[in-house]
Every structure is written in C-alpha cells, then in structure tokens.
Protein backbone atom coordinates (compact mmCIF):
# COMPACT_ATOMS: atom_id res chain seq x y z
CA MET A 1 110.07 52.99 -127.16
CA THR A 2 109.59 56.43 -128.50
CA GLU A 3 111.60 57.71 -131.62
CA SER A 4 113.33 60.29 -129.64
CA VAL A 5 114.55 57.57 -127.09
CA ARG A 6 115.27 55.01 -129.85
CA ALA A 7 117.62 57.00 -131.94
CA PRO A 8 120.21 57.78 -129.06
CA ALA A 9 119.88 54.17 -127.95
CA VAL A 10 120.82 52.90 -131.42
CA GLN A 11 123.82 55.35 -131.64
CA LEU A 12 125.19 54.03 -128.36
CA ALA A 13 124.76 50.33 -129.14
CA SER A 14 126.42 51.01 -132.74
CA ARG A 15 129.45 52.37 -130.48
CA GLY A 16 129.36 49.65 -127.93
CA GLN A 17 128.30 52.07 -124.89
CA LEU A 18 124.58 51.02 -124.45
CA ALA A 19 125.64 48.72 -121.67
CA ALA A 20 127.51 51.53 -119.95
CA PHE A 21 124.81 53.90 -120.58
CA MET A 22 122.01 51.61 -119.11
CA ALA A 23 124.00 50.88 -116.19
CA ASP A 24 124.76 54.44 -115.43
CA SER A 25 121.08 55.65 -116.09
CA GLN A 26 119.51 53.23 -113.44
CA VAL A 27 118.86 54.83 -110.10
CA PRO A 28 117.86 53.01 -107.04
CA TRP A 29 114.33 53.22 -105.73
CA ASP A 30 113.84 55.08 -102.48
CA VAL A 31 112.38 53.45 -99.43
CA ASP A 32 109.72 56.15 -99.21
CA ALA A 33 107.92 54.22 -102.07
CA LEU A 34 107.23 51.55 -99.42
CA ASP A 35 105.00 54.03 -97.71
CA GLY A 36 102.99 54.93 -100.64
CA ALA A 37 99.09 54.24 -100.29
CA VAL A 38 97.39 52.68 -103.24
CA SER A 39 93.97 53.86 -103.88
CA GLU A 40 92.99 51.83 -106.87
CA ALA A 41 94.89 48.76 -108.19
CA ALA A 42 95.98 49.59 -111.61
CA TRP A 43 95.20 45.92 -112.96
CA ARG A 44 91.44 46.87 -112.15
CA VAL A 45 91.39 50.42 -113.83
CA ARG A 46 93.85 50.19 -116.33
CA PRO A 47 93.31 48.37 -119.96
CA SER A 48 95.68 45.16 -120.11
CA ARG A 49 96.88 43.31 -123.46
CA TYR A 50 97.57 39.38 -123.52
CA LEU A 51 99.70 38.06 -126.32
CA VAL A 52 98.84 34.51 -127.01
CA SER A 53 101.76 32.53 -127.94
CA THR A 54 100.91 29.67 -130.25
CA ASP A 55 104.38 28.00 -129.99
CA ASP A 56 104.41 27.90 -126.24
CA ARG A 57 105.07 24.17 -125.37
CA MET A 58 103.94 24.49 -121.77
CA ILE A 59 100.66 26.53 -121.71
CA PRO A 60 98.27 25.68 -124.77
CA PRO A 61 96.66 28.44 -126.53
CA PRO A 62 93.14 27.73 -125.29
CA ALA A 63 94.43 28.02 -121.67
CA GLN A 64 96.32 31.18 -122.35
CA ARG A 65 93.02 32.65 -123.78
CA ALA A 66 91.12 31.39 -120.80
CA MET A 67 93.80 33.17 -118.34
CA SER A 68 93.50 36.44 -120.33
CA GLU A 69 89.71 36.39 -120.28
CA ARG A 70 89.79 35.94 -116.53
CA ALA A 71 92.26 38.83 -115.97
CA GLY A 72 89.93 40.98 -118.35
CA SER A 73 92.74 41.32 -120.95
CA THR A 74 92.31 42.14 -124.65
CA VAL A 75 94.12 39.34 -126.66
CA VAL A 76 96.43 40.66 -129.36
C-alpha cells in the first residue's frame, strides 16, 4: 500500500470507519470483462515471487521451493 493510500486508511481505521469506507469503495465488475481477449498470460510474462513458509505444517519448505521453481517464481 502506498503512503498516499495508507495514511487515509489509517485515519479511517482510527475512527472506526474503515469497514464502511471499504464497503462503499468496492464496485461490481462489468460483464463486458468476460469478452476481453487475453493476448499473453500474465503468469508467463510478469515476474512472480514466492514466500516460503517455514512454519507451514501441510507443505514442507522443500516442496514449496520445488513448486516455486516449477512456476518460475523468485523465492523471497
């Protein structure tokens, strides 16, 4: 979150108005979005990051690293 966005959000949260602000600021997506053509898959052309969770009790860190490598992600 950028500083220009974070400061108002913190001010609203401190007044207990953050939930109302978030509810009011959300807009429904348009059905026209379904007609859009994808020329390139973002996961192929955009860099991705993967955060290895060392305390994850379901997926061991070596498996997480293998999945991130398979996806071409940079481990952070």
